[in-house]
């Protein structure tokens, strides 16, 4: 499959997370009102309400909005990924989905970047701003593989340098710029010849189909991309496939969830913490129930059963105390 003929670079996709909003506001303030490119951006906001389009409209001269499904791209507009929805680009139009989270995020950066790379290839300029961990790195790799341009905020001045640092370490980026120079850099890139169409890598198409639920046989797609690991998906408990030859190392399950190694570690840590607190709650509730049962038996003069239940409650209480010390870091589990 090849990209259709394109003449100019006129599509900008931006990935931003913690520390990125001030950079976005400064960027739109510096862009001219007749900017000859469409901008699509993902800011990690999860399912929380967002006023980002309003903030962008106050600072800049380009109209910003949450797009409608099927809305066509227009030069000089900014489309923001809505809360809890992936923003994709398909044949020059917006697609909004609630497909599986990637890197424990929805909206996530990689799905937008991959879809833009597949749909528009050399016309795309990908931008990574401040953020934690490494969402956006594989998406930026996809943009480069399809003939696009990669721009990254200088991690030395980013509030959270991990995302731009990961991109620089793992992608052949074309420009690393301080936020103050970002608008000027994009204006110089927009309108440049896009170059010759590039054949879309087969593994990129496979992964895109998996992420959008369009793979006719997800297991077959995964087998083409990697091999089953001994790790389960923390989102759905399915088997994770370890993808081959990826940097940073990445994982996918057949329902569409995807992780880098760093995001997988963070997600597992969060789930483990939740599980431990749930276990502590269950132990404490059982202790109270046993003590209540012991009192009830004593009122009925069933002293032996009451004593047995009280002994079990004390046993549970000791385990609860040990578990709480382990969770809070105040001691080791005996």
Protein backbone atom coordinates (compact mmCIF):
# COMPACT_ATOMS: atom_id res chain seq x y z
CA UNK A 1 0.00 0.00 0.00
CA UNK A 2 1.37 3.41 -0.97
CA UNK A 3 0.45 6.93 0.03
CA UNK A 4 -1.32 9.02 -2.50
CA UNK A 5 0.60 11.85 -4.13
CA UNK A 6 1.08 14.81 -1.82
CA UNK A 7 2.81 18.09 -2.55
CA UNK A 8 3.33 20.04 0.67
CA UNK A 9 3.77 19.44 4.37
CA UNK A 10 0.50 20.74 5.79
CA UNK A 11 -0.56 18.45 8.67
CA UNK A 12 0.87 18.88 12.17
CA UNK A 13 0.21 16.34 14.91
CA UNK A 14 1.27 17.24 18.45
CA UNK A 15 1.65 15.03 21.51
CA UNK A 16 1.73 16.70 24.92
CA UNK A 17 1.45 15.60 28.54
CA UNK A 18 2.52 16.99 31.93
CA UNK A 19 4.04 20.42 31.48
CA UNK A 20 2.88 20.73 27.89
CA UNK A 21 -0.10 23.08 28.18
CA UNK A 22 1.97 26.28 28.66
CA UNK A 23 3.97 25.33 25.56
CA UNK A 24 0.77 24.81 23.56
CA UNK A 25 -0.59 28.19 24.67
CA UNK A 26 2.62 29.98 23.67
CA UNK A 27 2.65 28.11 20.35
CA UNK A 28 -0.85 29.14 19.24
CA UNK A 29 -0.18 32.72 20.38
CA UNK A 30 2.81 32.87 18.03
CA UNK A 31 1.19 31.32 14.93
CA UNK A 32 -0.35 33.63 12.29
CA UNK A 33 -4.12 33.61 11.66
CA UNK A 34 -3.73 32.27 8.11
CA UNK A 35 -1.46 29.41 9.10
CA UNK A 36 -1.47 27.05 6.07
CA UNK A 37 -1.63 23.76 7.98
CA UNK A 38 -4.08 21.71 10.05
CA UNK A 39 -3.12 20.96 13.65
CA UNK A 40 -4.30 17.90 15.58
CA UNK A 41 -3.16 17.53 19.15
CA UNK A 42 -3.40 15.06 22.01
CA UNK A 43 -2.99 16.33 25.54
CA UNK A 44 -3.09 13.59 28.18
CA UNK A 45 -6.34 14.39 30.00
CA UNK A 46 -7.95 10.96 30.43
CA UNK A 47 -11.69 11.05 31.08
CA UNK A 48 -11.63 14.38 32.94
CA UNK A 49 -13.48 17.44 31.59
CA UNK A 50 -11.20 19.72 29.61
CA UNK A 51 -11.29 23.41 28.71
CA UNK A 52 -8.16 23.24 26.56
CA UNK A 53 -9.89 24.47 23.35
CA UNK A 54 -11.18 27.53 25.22
CA UNK A 55 -7.70 28.24 26.60
CA UNK A 56 -6.18 27.94 23.12
CA UNK A 57 -8.83 30.24 21.65
CA UNK A 58 -8.11 32.90 24.28
CA UNK A 59 -4.38 32.90 23.53
CA UNK A 60 -4.25 32.29 19.80
CA UNK A 61 -5.82 33.36 16.52
CA UNK A 62 -6.46 29.87 15.18
CA UNK A 63 -9.89 28.40 16.00
CA UNK A 64 -9.52 25.42 18.36
CA UNK A 65 -12.21 22.83 19.12
CA UNK A 66 -13.05 19.26 19.98
CA UNK A 67 -13.80 17.95 16.47
CA UNK A 68 -16.85 16.01 15.35
CA UNK A 69 -16.44 12.49 14.01
CA UNK A 70 -15.98 12.70 10.25
CA UNK A 71 -15.03 16.38 10.28
CA UNK A 72 -12.65 17.29 7.47
CA UNK A 73 -9.31 18.93 8.10
CA UNK A 74 -9.01 22.63 7.35
CA UNK A 75 -5.86 24.76 7.21
CA UNK A 76 -5.53 27.14 10.12
CA UNK A 77 -7.59 25.08 12.58
CA UNK A 78 -6.68 23.20 15.76
CA UNK A 79 -8.44 19.94 16.62
CA UNK A 80 -8.02 18.76 20.21
CA UNK A 81 -8.57 15.12 21.23
CA UNK A 82 -11.74 15.03 23.39
CA UNK A 83 -11.65 13.52 26.89
CA UNK A 84 -11.56 9.71 26.95
CA UNK A 85 -11.45 9.42 23.13
CA UNK A 86 -8.62 8.64 20.77
CA UNK A 87 -8.26 11.16 17.96
CA UNK A 88 -7.36 9.55 14.62
CA UNK A 89 -6.89 10.80 11.08
CA UNK A 90 -8.40 8.70 8.31
CA UNK A 91 -8.42 9.87 4.67
CA UNK A 92 -8.29 13.54 5.58
CA UNK A 93 -11.10 13.33 8.12
CA UNK A 94 -11.30 12.97 11.89
CA UNK A 95 -12.18 9.68 13.53
CA UNK A 96 -12.99 9.50 17.25
CA UNK A 97 -12.89 6.17 19.05
CA UNK A 98 -13.01 4.66 22.52
CA UNK A 99 -10.68 1.86 21.49
CA UNK A 100 -8.35 0.29 24.06
CA UNK A 101 -6.02 2.53 26.02
CA UNK A 102 -2.39 2.78 24.97
CA UNK A 103 0.25 3.43 27.60
CA UNK A 104 -2.63 3.54 30.07
CA UNK A 105 -3.98 6.65 28.31
CA UNK A 106 -7.04 7.60 26.28
CA UNK A 107 -6.59 9.85 24.42
CA UNK A 108 -3.08 8.62 23.66
CA UNK A 109 -0.49 10.11 21.36
CA UNK A 110 0.68 7.02 19.46
CA UNK A 111 -2.72 6.19 17.85
CA UNK A 112 -2.98 9.72 16.38
CA UNK A 113 0.58 9.70 15.10
CA UNK A 114 0.25 6.21 13.58
CA UNK A 115 -3.02 7.04 11.84
CA UNK A 116 -1.63 10.30 10.46
CA UNK A 117 1.49 8.55 9.18
CA UNK A 118 -0.60 5.90 7.41
CA UNK A 119 -3.16 8.35 6.02
CA UNK A 120 -0.95 11.23 4.91
CA UNK A 121 2.67 10.05 5.06
CA UNK A 122 5.15 12.72 3.91
CA UNK A 123 2.68 15.55 4.55
CA UNK A 124 2.87 15.01 8.32
CA UNK A 125 4.97 16.88 10.87
CA UNK A 126 5.01 15.17 14.27
CA UNK A 127 5.78 17.15 17.44
CA UNK A 128 6.53 15.80 20.93
CA UNK A 129 6.33 18.17 23.89
CA UNK A 130 6.88 17.90 27.64
CA UNK A 131 5.59 14.77 29.38
CA UNK A 132 6.43 11.80 31.57
CA UNK A 133 7.43 8.33 30.32
CA UNK A 134 7.48 7.71 26.56
CA UNK A 135 4.07 7.91 24.87
CA UNK A 136 4.57 9.27 21.36
CA UNK A 137 7.94 7.70 20.63
CA UNK A 138 6.61 4.79 18.56
CA UNK A 139 4.14 7.13 16.85
CA UNK A 140 6.96 9.46 15.90
CA UNK A 141 8.87 6.45 14.55
CA UNK A 142 5.82 5.68 12.37
CA UNK A 143 5.77 9.24 11.02
CA UNK A 144 9.45 9.02 10.09
CA UNK A 145 8.96 5.58 8.51
CA UNK A 146 6.26 7.04 6.27
CA UNK A 147 8.33 10.01 5.13
CA UNK A 148 7.24 12.65 7.64
CA UNK A 149 9.19 15.06 9.81
CA UNK A 150 9.89 14.74 13.56
CA UNK A 151 10.20 17.79 15.85
CA UNK A 152 10.86 17.54 19.60
CA UNK A 153 10.88 20.11 22.39
CA UNK A 154 14.32 20.48 23.93
CA UNK A 155 14.17 18.20 27.01
CA UNK A 156 16.63 20.44 28.88
CA UNK A 157 13.93 23.13 29.14
CA UNK A 158 10.85 20.87 29.31
CA UNK A 159 9.01 20.74 32.63
CA UNK A 160 8.89 16.94 32.24
CA UNK A 161 11.77 15.83 29.98
CA UNK A 162 11.04 12.08 29.75
CA UNK A 163 8.79 12.13 26.67
CA UNK A 164 11.02 14.36 24.52
CA UNK A 165 14.14 12.57 25.77
CA UNK A 166 12.70 9.18 24.76
CA UNK A 167 11.88 10.53 21.31
CA UNK A 168 15.40 11.87 20.83
CA UNK A 169 16.97 8.62 22.05
CA UNK A 170 14.86 6.38 19.82
CA UNK A 171 13.88 8.38 16.73
CA UNK A 172 15.94 10.09 14.07
CA UNK A 173 14.40 13.48 14.86
CA UNK A 174 14.81 16.35 12.44
CA UNK A 175 14.75 19.21 14.93
CA UNK A 176 15.15 19.67 18.68
CA UNK A 177 13.99 23.16 19.60
CA UNK A 178 13.23 25.21 22.72
CA UNK A 179 9.55 26.04 23.10
CA UNK A 180 10.22 29.68 22.24
CA UNK A 181 11.37 28.63 18.75
CA UNK A 182 8.67 26.03 18.10
CA UNK A 183 6.29 28.31 16.16
CA UNK A 184 9.11 29.59 13.95
CA UNK A 185 10.29 26.04 13.28
CA UNK A 186 6.82 24.85 12.29
CA UNK A 187 6.27 27.88 10.04
CA UNK A 188 9.52 27.09 8.24
CA UNK A 189 8.54 23.43 7.75
CA UNK A 190 4.95 23.97 6.67
CA UNK A 191 4.65 24.35 2.93
CA UNK A 192 7.92 22.62 2.16
CA UNK A 193 7.76 19.90 -0.51
CA UNK A 194 6.57 16.70 1.12
CA UNK A 195 8.79 14.41 -0.88
CA UNK A 196 7.99 11.21 -2.70
CA UNK A 197 5.32 8.80 -1.39
CA UNK A 198 6.64 6.05 0.86
CA UNK A 199 5.44 2.47 1.11
CA UNK A 200 3.75 1.88 4.49
CA UNK A 201 5.59 -0.78 6.56
CA UNK A 202 3.55 -3.96 6.98
CA UNK A 203 4.11 -4.07 10.76
CA UNK A 204 2.74 -0.53 11.08
CA UNK A 205 -0.44 -1.51 9.26
CA UNK A 206 -0.77 -4.62 11.45
CA UNK A 207 -0.43 -2.57 14.63
CA UNK A 208 -2.88 0.07 13.41
CA UNK A 209 -5.48 -2.62 12.72
CA UNK A 210 -4.97 -4.04 16.20
CA UNK A 211 -5.37 -0.67 17.88
CA UNK A 212 -8.60 0.13 16.02
CA UNK A 213 -10.16 -3.31 16.33
CA UNK A 214 -10.05 -3.80 12.55
CA UNK A 215 -7.69 -6.78 12.50
CA UNK A 216 -9.53 -9.75 10.93
CA UNK A 217 -7.51 -12.11 13.14
CA UNK A 218 -5.89 -10.27 16.09
CA UNK A 219 -3.85 -13.30 17.15
CA UNK A 220 -2.40 -13.66 13.66
CA UNK A 221 -1.53 -9.95 13.60
CA UNK A 222 0.18 -10.26 16.97
CA UNK A 223 2.11 -13.34 15.89
CA UNK A 224 3.37 -11.35 12.91
CA UNK A 225 4.58 -8.59 15.26
CA UNK A 226 6.12 -10.57 18.11
CA UNK A 227 5.73 -13.50 20.49
CA UNK A 228 3.59 -14.18 23.57
CA UNK A 229 5.24 -13.15 26.81
CA UNK A 230 4.74 -14.52 30.33
CA UNK A 231 3.10 -11.24 31.37
CA UNK A 232 -0.63 -10.51 31.45
CA UNK A 233 -2.19 -7.22 30.41
CA UNK A 234 -2.91 -5.10 33.52
CA UNK A 235 -5.97 -3.64 31.78
CA UNK A 236 -7.80 -6.83 30.70
CA UNK A 237 -5.67 -9.74 32.06
CA UNK A 238 -5.08 -11.15 28.57
CA UNK A 239 -1.67 -12.36 27.42
CA UNK A 240 0.72 -9.65 26.29
CA UNK A 241 2.76 -10.13 23.13
CA UNK A 242 6.30 -8.77 23.26
CA UNK A 243 6.77 -6.91 19.99
CA UNK A 244 9.94 -7.70 18.08
CA UNK A 245 12.68 -5.16 17.38
CA UNK A 246 11.00 -2.25 19.13
CA UNK A 247 12.86 0.51 20.92
CA UNK A 248 11.75 1.22 23.57
CA UNK A 249 10.48 -2.31 24.18
CA UNK A 250 6.70 -2.52 23.63
CA UNK A 251 3.86 -4.95 24.37
CA UNK A 252 0.34 -5.52 23.03
CA UNK A 253 -2.64 -7.70 23.87
CA UNK A 254 -5.24 -8.99 21.42
CA UNK A 255 -7.94 -6.62 22.70
CA UNK A 256 -5.84 -3.61 21.69
CA UNK A 257 -4.11 -2.43 24.85
CA UNK A 258 -0.51 -1.39 24.30
CA UNK A 259 2.39 -0.48 26.57
CA UNK A 260 5.99 0.50 26.46
CA UNK A 261 8.09 -1.23 29.08
CA UNK A 262 8.08 1.94 31.22
CA UNK A 263 4.33 2.46 31.03
CA UNK A 264 3.77 -1.24 31.77
CA UNK A 265 5.94 -1.00 34.88
CA UNK A 266 4.05 2.08 36.05
CA UNK A 267 0.64 0.55 35.38
CA UNK A 268 1.55 -2.69 37.15
CA UNK A 269 2.83 -0.73 40.15
CA UNK A 270 -0.45 1.17 40.33
CA UNK A 271 -2.52 -2.01 40.06
CA UNK A 272 -0.36 -3.76 42.67
CA UNK A 273 -0.82 -0.85 45.06
CA UNK A 274 -4.59 -0.96 44.55
CA UNK A 275 -4.66 -4.73 45.09
CA UNK A 276 -2.69 -4.46 48.33
CA UNK A 277 -4.99 -1.79 49.76
CA UNK A 278 -8.01 -3.87 48.74
CA UNK A 279 -6.50 -6.87 50.52
CA UNK A 280 -5.94 -4.76 53.65
CA UNK A 281 -9.54 -3.56 53.57
CA UNK A 282 -10.80 -7.16 53.23
CA UNK A 283 -8.68 -8.31 56.18
CA UNK A 284 -9.87 -5.47 58.39
CA UNK A 285 -13.50 -6.11 57.48
CA UNK A 286 -13.08 -9.82 58.25
CA UNK A 287 -11.51 -8.99 61.62
CA UNK A 288 -14.47 -6.80 62.58
CA UNK A 289 -16.96 -9.41 61.42
CA UNK A 290 -15.22 -12.13 63.46
CA UNK A 291 -15.25 -9.95 66.58
CA UNK A 292 -18.94 -9.23 66.11
CA UNK A 293 -19.63 -12.95 65.71
CA UNK A 294 -17.59 -13.71 68.86
CA UNK A 295 -19.65 -11.24 70.89
CA UNK A 296 -22.88 -12.71 69.57
CA UNK A 297 -21.85 -16.22 70.61
CA UNK A 298 -20.84 -15.02 74.10
CA UNK A 299 -24.22 -13.42 74.58
CA UNK A 300 -25.66 -16.84 73.85
CA UNK A 301 -23.21 -18.30 76.41
CA UNK A 302 -21.36 -20.21 73.72
CA UNK A 303 -18.01 -19.32 75.24
CA UNK A 304 -15.94 -21.91 73.37
CA UNK A 305 -17.12 -20.74 69.93
CA UNK A 306 -16.77 -17.11 70.99
CA UNK A 307 -13.19 -17.70 72.10
CA UNK A 308 -12.38 -19.50 68.86
CA UNK A 309 -13.73 -16.61 66.76
CA UNK A 310 -11.90 -14.05 68.90
CA UNK A 311 -8.64 -16.00 68.44
CA UNK A 312 -9.15 -16.02 64.65
CA UNK A 313 -9.87 -12.26 64.75
CA UNK A 314 -6.59 -11.65 66.58
CA UNK A 315 -4.77 -13.77 63.99
CA UNK A 316 -6.30 -11.68 61.17
CA UNK A 317 -5.44 -8.44 63.01
CA UNK A 318 -1.75 -9.39 63.14
CA UNK A 319 -1.73 -10.09 59.40
CA UNK A 320 -3.47 -6.75 58.77
CA UNK A 321 -0.84 -4.89 60.76
CA UNK A 322 1.97 -6.65 58.89
CA UNK A 323 0.39 -5.90 55.52
CA UNK A 324 -0.16 -2.24 56.42
CA UNK A 325 3.48 -1.87 57.44
CA UNK A 326 4.53 -3.43 54.13
CA UNK A 327 2.30 -1.10 52.07
CA UNK A 328 3.39 2.04 53.90
CA UNK A 329 7.07 1.06 53.86
CA UNK A 330 7.32 0.87 57.64
CA UNK A 331 8.47 -2.74 57.76
CA UNK A 332 8.73 -6.09 56.02
CA UNK A 333 6.12 -8.77 55.74
CA UNK A 334 6.92 -11.51 58.26
